[in-house]
Amino acid sequence: MVALRKPTTTPVTGNGNYKQSMTKDNIQKKTLSIRISTNGFCFCIHAPALSDSIEYFTYKPDIERSLAANLQAAFESCPLVNKEEEYDIKAIVETGEYTCIPAEHDNADDYKQIFKYCFPKEQDVEIIANRLNTYGFTILFPVENSIHETIQNFGNVTFYTPASIIMSYLSYKPIEREQYMLTYLYNDFAFILTMKNGKVGLSNIFRKEEKENTLFYLLSIWKEQGMSQTEDYLYLCGDSSIEELSLSAGKFIKNIRRINPNELFSPSLLNRIGGIPFDLQALILCE
């Protein structure tokens, strides 16, 4: 069980490889943050005590190999990882499957049964729980057994899903609106979250196979949640596809805002380097 903490430090980002202020003399405790996706792996190593220190590395997987084999190869080729040193590892696993259970029904003995009921086809996975105390529920999501075993070889690991990271960040730095929707686009998925008076109205994730589908699902949820086209706000963040979605959604929703690191995060090395996924930046801030 993981209870997400509020962000207390200042972070970092980059494209490809980047290194800044990481020496044995000024670091006592390092955290390795990883984003795991079929589209690639991102590694960030930093010292929480040093807000301007960061090393960043990306790895493109071989589509002919399994995700676990690619992750092993990424660790072996990553210049940031000392094979003889153990790390506190924070790992975001990109997944299109998760479910939420109310805090009053949070029992670890029931996790597997609840998740199997929601996703009966899912096999050979570890079920991970992220407890979101601010919102009063726990998120359950899967991690492939092979991924789970591979990453355990390199240190103590805490797993997260993008949904839990973004919700945790918003509990720390809430958007000052009575009601709004946040949509996070990343790789193959779109994550949608609606908020009303500081409480989660709905959270959902789906594959953004066609841009028309993404807009259709977004507007359907907007209508279902009783949101106003002229008074409520849509916040967009994520990859470059938010540009087109912003233009399309603007025909139906008056108030659209884009969230980027320069607006959300304090001035630091993180803000001056592009490339790190939005949820990985938020994870670093949550240390």
Protein backbone atom coordinates (compact mmCIF):
# COMPACT_ATOMS: atom_id res chain seq x y z
CA MET A 1 0.00 0.00 0.00
CA VAL A 2 1.32 3.41 -0.92
CA ALA A 3 -0.09 6.62 0.54
CA LEU A 4 1.00 9.39 -1.79
CA ARG A 5 2.71 12.28 -0.09
CA LYS A 6 2.41 15.96 -0.87
CA PRO A 7 5.21 17.38 -3.03
CA THR A 8 7.89 19.10 -0.99
CA THR A 9 10.86 19.44 -3.35
CA THR A 10 11.77 21.09 -6.63
CA PRO A 11 12.51 18.97 -9.77
CA VAL A 12 14.04 18.59 -13.24
CA THR A 13 13.76 17.46 -16.95
CA GLY A 14 15.52 16.90 -20.26
CA ASN A 15 15.66 15.42 -23.74
CA GLY A 16 18.03 12.50 -24.27
CA ASN A 17 20.83 12.68 -21.73
CA TYR A 18 21.34 15.53 -19.29
CA LYS A 19 23.57 15.87 -16.25
CA GLN A 20 23.83 18.61 -13.65
CA SER A 21 25.43 18.91 -10.19
CA MET A 22 25.42 15.20 -9.32
CA THR A 23 28.64 14.39 -7.46
CA LYS A 24 29.50 12.01 -4.65
CA ASP A 25 30.44 14.97 -2.49
CA ASN A 26 27.04 16.70 -2.54
CA ILE A 27 24.63 13.74 -2.58
CA GLN A 28 23.86 11.51 0.37
CA LYS A 29 20.63 9.94 -0.81
CA LYS A 30 19.59 9.54 -4.44
CA THR A 31 16.19 8.62 -5.84
CA LEU A 32 15.78 6.95 -9.21
CA SER A 33 12.48 7.87 -10.89
CA ILE A 34 11.44 5.82 -13.92
CA ARG A 35 8.59 5.97 -16.39
CA ILE A 36 7.81 2.57 -17.95
CA SER A 37 5.94 2.46 -21.25
CA THR A 38 5.83 0.31 -24.37
CA ASN A 39 6.91 3.46 -26.21
CA GLY A 40 10.09 3.89 -24.17
CA PHE A 41 11.66 4.34 -20.76
CA CYS A 42 12.65 7.56 -18.98
CA PHE A 43 15.18 7.60 -16.14
CA CYS A 44 15.70 10.51 -13.74
CA ILE A 45 18.14 10.35 -10.87
CA HIS A 46 18.25 13.16 -8.37
CA ALA A 47 18.93 14.08 -4.76
CA PRO A 48 15.75 15.40 -3.09
CA ALA A 49 17.91 17.66 -0.92
CA LEU A 50 19.27 19.43 -4.02
CA SER A 51 16.53 21.07 -6.07
CA ASP A 52 18.82 21.90 -9.01
CA SER A 53 20.43 18.48 -9.41
CA ILE A 54 19.36 15.95 -12.02
CA GLU A 55 20.48 13.30 -14.45
CA TYR A 56 18.16 12.22 -17.22
CA PHE A 57 18.27 9.34 -19.72
CA THR A 58 15.81 7.91 -22.24
CA TYR A 59 15.78 4.46 -23.81
CA LYS A 60 13.94 3.39 -26.96
CA PRO A 61 12.74 -0.23 -26.74
CA ASP A 62 13.26 -2.94 -29.34
CA ILE A 63 9.80 -3.92 -30.58
CA GLU A 64 11.02 -7.49 -31.14
CA ARG A 65 11.69 -7.99 -27.43
CA SER A 66 9.39 -8.21 -24.41
CA LEU A 67 8.83 -5.19 -22.20
CA ALA A 68 10.73 -6.87 -19.36
CA ALA A 69 13.69 -7.69 -21.61
CA ASN A 70 13.74 -4.10 -22.82
CA LEU A 71 13.64 -2.82 -19.25
CA GLN A 72 16.57 -5.04 -18.30
CA ALA A 73 18.51 -3.77 -21.33
CA ALA A 74 17.62 -0.17 -20.41
CA PHE A 75 19.00 -0.62 -16.91
CA GLU A 76 22.17 -2.25 -18.24
CA SER A 77 22.80 0.53 -20.76
CA CYS A 78 21.75 3.45 -18.55
CA PRO A 79 24.87 5.45 -17.58
CA LEU A 80 23.05 6.84 -14.53
CA VAL A 81 22.69 3.50 -12.77
CA ASN A 82 25.57 2.12 -10.74
CA LYS A 83 25.05 -1.63 -10.83
CA GLU A 84 26.66 -2.04 -7.40
CA GLU A 85 24.44 0.53 -5.72
CA GLU A 86 20.86 0.16 -4.52
CA TYR A 87 18.38 2.97 -5.08
CA ASP A 88 15.04 4.09 -3.80
CA ILE A 89 13.12 3.62 -7.04
CA LYS A 90 9.87 5.40 -7.91
CA ALA A 91 8.32 3.83 -11.01
CA ILE A 92 5.38 5.09 -13.04
CA VAL A 93 3.81 2.30 -15.06
CA GLU A 94 1.80 3.46 -18.05
CA THR A 95 -1.39 1.42 -18.09
CA GLY A 96 -4.90 1.79 -19.42
CA GLU A 97 -6.36 -0.25 -16.58
CA TYR A 98 -7.09 0.85 -13.05
CA THR A 99 -10.00 0.93 -10.66
CA CYS A 100 -10.85 2.86 -7.50
CA ILE A 101 -12.19 1.54 -4.19
CA PRO A 102 -13.57 3.67 -1.32
CA ALA A 103 -11.35 4.03 1.74
CA GLU A 104 -13.94 2.33 3.97
CA HIS A 105 -13.70 -0.81 1.82
CA ASP A 106 -9.91 -0.77 1.49
CA ASN A 107 -8.75 -4.24 2.43
CA ALA A 108 -5.52 -5.58 0.93
CA ASP A 109 -6.86 -9.13 1.03
CA ASP A 110 -9.54 -8.13 -1.49
CA TYR A 111 -7.33 -6.34 -4.03
CA LYS A 112 -6.82 -9.25 -6.42
CA GLN A 113 -10.47 -10.28 -6.36
CA ILE A 114 -11.71 -6.72 -6.97
CA PHE A 115 -9.29 -6.13 -9.81
CA LYS A 116 -10.03 -9.49 -11.45
CA TYR A 117 -13.75 -8.68 -11.30
CA CYS A 118 -13.10 -5.39 -13.15
CA PHE A 119 -10.53 -6.82 -15.60
CA PRO A 120 -11.10 -10.60 -15.87
CA LYS A 121 -8.67 -11.03 -18.80
CA GLU A 122 -5.67 -9.63 -16.92
CA GLN A 123 -3.21 -12.41 -15.95
CA ASP A 124 0.37 -12.74 -14.69
CA VAL A 125 0.31 -9.38 -12.93
CA GLU A 126 0.97 -7.93 -9.51
CA ILE A 127 -1.85 -5.72 -8.23
CA ILE A 128 -0.50 -2.44 -6.85
CA ALA A 129 -2.39 -0.06 -4.57
CA ASN A 130 -1.95 3.71 -4.34
CA ARG A 131 -3.93 5.21 -1.47
CA LEU A 132 -5.13 8.77 -2.07
CA ASN A 133 -6.04 9.91 1.44
CA THR A 134 -7.10 13.40 0.32
CA TYR A 135 -9.82 11.95 -1.90
CA GLY A 136 -10.81 9.03 0.31
CA PHE A 137 -10.11 6.15 -2.07
CA THR A 138 -7.43 3.77 -3.29
CA ILE A 139 -6.38 3.15 -6.89
CA LEU A 140 -5.61 -0.43 -7.93
CA PHE A 141 -3.61 -1.13 -11.10
CA PRO A 142 -1.56 -3.97 -12.61
CA VAL A 143 2.18 -4.41 -13.09
CA GLU A 144 3.37 -7.33 -15.18
CA ASN A 145 5.10 -9.96 -13.03
CA SER A 146 8.15 -9.89 -15.28
CA ILE A 147 8.43 -6.09 -14.94
CA HIS A 148 7.91 -6.32 -11.20
CA GLU A 149 10.66 -8.93 -10.83
CA THR A 150 13.12 -7.15 -13.14
CA ILE A 151 12.97 -3.79 -11.41
CA GLN A 152 13.14 -5.31 -7.90
CA ASN A 153 16.73 -6.34 -8.68
CA PHE A 154 17.87 -2.72 -8.66
CA GLY A 155 16.52 -1.44 -5.36
CA ASN A 156 13.47 -0.77 -3.24
CA VAL A 157 10.60 0.05 -5.58
CA THR A 158 7.38 1.99 -5.19
CA PHE A 159 5.00 1.77 -8.15
CA TYR A 160 2.57 4.42 -9.34
CA THR A 161 0.15 4.96 -12.19
CA PRO A 162 -0.23 8.32 -14.01
CA ALA A 163 -3.74 8.71 -12.59
CA SER A 164 -2.58 8.55 -8.96
CA ILE A 165 0.36 10.90 -9.58
CA ILE A 166 -1.74 13.61 -11.22
CA MET A 167 -4.49 13.40 -8.60
CA SER A 168 -1.88 13.56 -5.85
CA TYR A 169 -0.29 16.62 -7.40
CA LEU A 170 -3.64 18.40 -7.74
CA SER A 171 -4.33 17.77 -4.05
CA TYR A 172 -1.11 19.64 -3.28
CA LYS A 173 -1.59 22.46 -5.76
CA PRO A 174 -5.30 22.58 -6.54
CA ILE A 175 -6.73 24.50 -9.44
CA GLU A 176 -8.82 27.31 -8.01
CA ARG A 177 -12.06 26.55 -9.83
CA GLU A 178 -15.34 25.29 -8.39
CA GLN A 179 -15.71 22.76 -11.21
CA TYR A 180 -13.35 21.77 -14.00
CA MET A 181 -12.06 18.93 -16.14
CA LEU A 182 -8.40 18.01 -16.60
CA THR A 183 -7.34 15.92 -19.59
CA TYR A 184 -3.86 14.44 -19.77
CA LEU A 185 -2.75 13.02 -23.12
CA TYR A 186 0.25 10.72 -23.09
CA ASN A 187 1.39 8.31 -25.78
CA ASP A 188 -1.58 6.04 -26.60
CA PHE A 189 -3.83 7.07 -23.71
CA ALA A 190 -6.04 9.93 -22.59
CA PHE A 191 -6.71 10.37 -18.86
CA ILE A 192 -9.73 12.46 -17.88
CA LEU A 193 -10.45 13.80 -14.40
CA THR A 194 -13.38 15.97 -13.33
CA MET A 195 -13.33 17.92 -10.08
CA LYS A 196 -16.05 19.71 -8.16
CA ASN A 197 -15.42 21.62 -4.94
CA GLY A 198 -12.12 19.80 -4.45
CA LYS A 199 -13.61 16.33 -4.86
CA VAL A 200 -13.22 13.87 -7.73
CA GLY A 201 -16.36 13.61 -9.82
CA LEU A 202 -15.04 11.09 -12.33
CA SER A 203 -11.72 9.65 -13.47
CA ASN A 204 -11.35 7.57 -16.60
CA ILE A 205 -8.73 6.47 -19.09
CA PHE A 206 -9.03 5.25 -22.68
CA ARG A 207 -6.95 4.72 -25.79
CA LYS A 208 -6.84 7.79 -28.03
CA GLU A 209 -6.95 5.78 -31.25
CA GLU A 210 -8.59 8.54 -33.30
CA LYS A 211 -8.63 12.25 -32.52
CA GLU A 212 -12.38 12.32 -33.17
CA ASN A 213 -12.88 9.61 -30.53
CA THR A 214 -10.91 11.56 -27.94
CA LEU A 215 -13.05 14.64 -28.51
CA PHE A 216 -16.26 12.57 -28.45
CA TYR A 217 -15.39 10.90 -25.13
CA LEU A 218 -14.30 14.20 -23.62
CA LEU A 219 -17.53 15.96 -24.58
CA SER A 220 -19.64 12.99 -23.48
CA ILE A 221 -18.08 13.08 -20.01
CA TRP A 222 -18.40 16.86 -19.93
CA LYS A 223 -22.15 16.57 -20.58
CA GLU A 224 -22.61 13.61 -18.23
CA GLN A 225 -20.98 15.55 -15.39
CA GLY A 226 -23.33 18.48 -15.95
CA MET A 227 -20.57 20.93 -16.82
CA SER A 228 -21.30 24.30 -18.40
CA GLN A 229 -19.94 25.07 -21.88
CA THR A 230 -19.56 28.74 -20.97
CA GLU A 231 -18.70 28.78 -17.25
CA ASP A 232 -16.61 25.70 -16.42
CA TYR A 233 -12.99 25.12 -17.45
CA LEU A 234 -11.12 22.44 -19.41
CA TYR A 235 -7.42 22.06 -18.58
CA LEU A 236 -5.15 20.21 -21.02
CA CYS A 237 -1.66 18.85 -20.42
CA GLY A 238 0.63 16.24 -21.91
CA ASP A 239 2.19 15.66 -25.32
CA SER A 240 1.90 17.68 -28.53
CA SER A 241 -1.52 16.22 -29.37
CA ILE A 242 -3.12 18.68 -26.91
CA GLU A 243 -2.66 21.40 -29.54
CA GLU A 244 -5.15 19.82 -31.93
CA LEU A 245 -7.51 18.78 -29.14
CA SER A 246 -7.54 22.36 -27.85
CA LEU A 247 -8.61 23.65 -31.25
CA SER A 248 -11.32 21.02 -31.67
CA ALA A 249 -12.70 21.31 -28.14
CA GLY A 250 -12.69 25.10 -28.43
CA LYS A 251 -15.65 24.87 -30.79
CA PHE A 252 -17.76 23.51 -27.92
CA ILE A 253 -16.13 24.73 -24.68
CA LYS A 254 -15.42 28.39 -24.06
CA ASN A 255 -12.79 28.23 -21.30
CA ILE A 256 -9.79 26.09 -22.21
CA ARG A 257 -6.43 26.38 -20.51
CA ARG A 258 -3.18 24.51 -21.14
CA ILE A 259 -1.05 23.40 -18.23
CA ASN A 260 2.70 23.28 -18.75
CA PRO A 261 5.64 22.98 -16.35
CA ASN A 262 6.40 26.71 -16.54
CA GLU A 263 2.97 27.38 -15.06
CA LEU A 264 2.82 24.57 -12.52
CA PHE A 265 6.37 24.28 -11.20
CA SER A 266 8.59 26.81 -9.49
CA PRO A 267 11.54 28.22 -11.48
CA SER A 268 14.25 25.57 -11.48
CA LEU A 269 16.33 23.42 -13.75
CA LEU A 270 13.18 21.36 -14.45
CA ASN A 271 11.46 24.28 -16.12
CA ARG A 272 14.41 25.07 -18.39
CA ILE A 273 14.67 21.63 -19.98
CA GLY A 274 11.99 20.12 -22.19
CA GLY A 275 11.11 16.48 -22.67
CA ILE A 276 10.24 14.83 -19.37
CA PRO A 277 6.62 13.60 -19.33
CA PHE A 278 4.25 15.66 -17.21
CA ASP A 279 3.50 12.86 -14.75
CA LEU A 280 7.20 12.10 -14.22
CA GLN A 281 7.81 15.75 -13.35
CA ALA A 282 4.92 15.59 -10.88
CA LEU A 283 6.35 12.39 -9.37
CA ILE A 284 9.67 14.12 -8.72
CA LEU A 285 7.83 16.97 -7.04
CA CYS A 286 5.97 14.48 -4.85
CA GLU A 287 9.20 13.23 -3.23
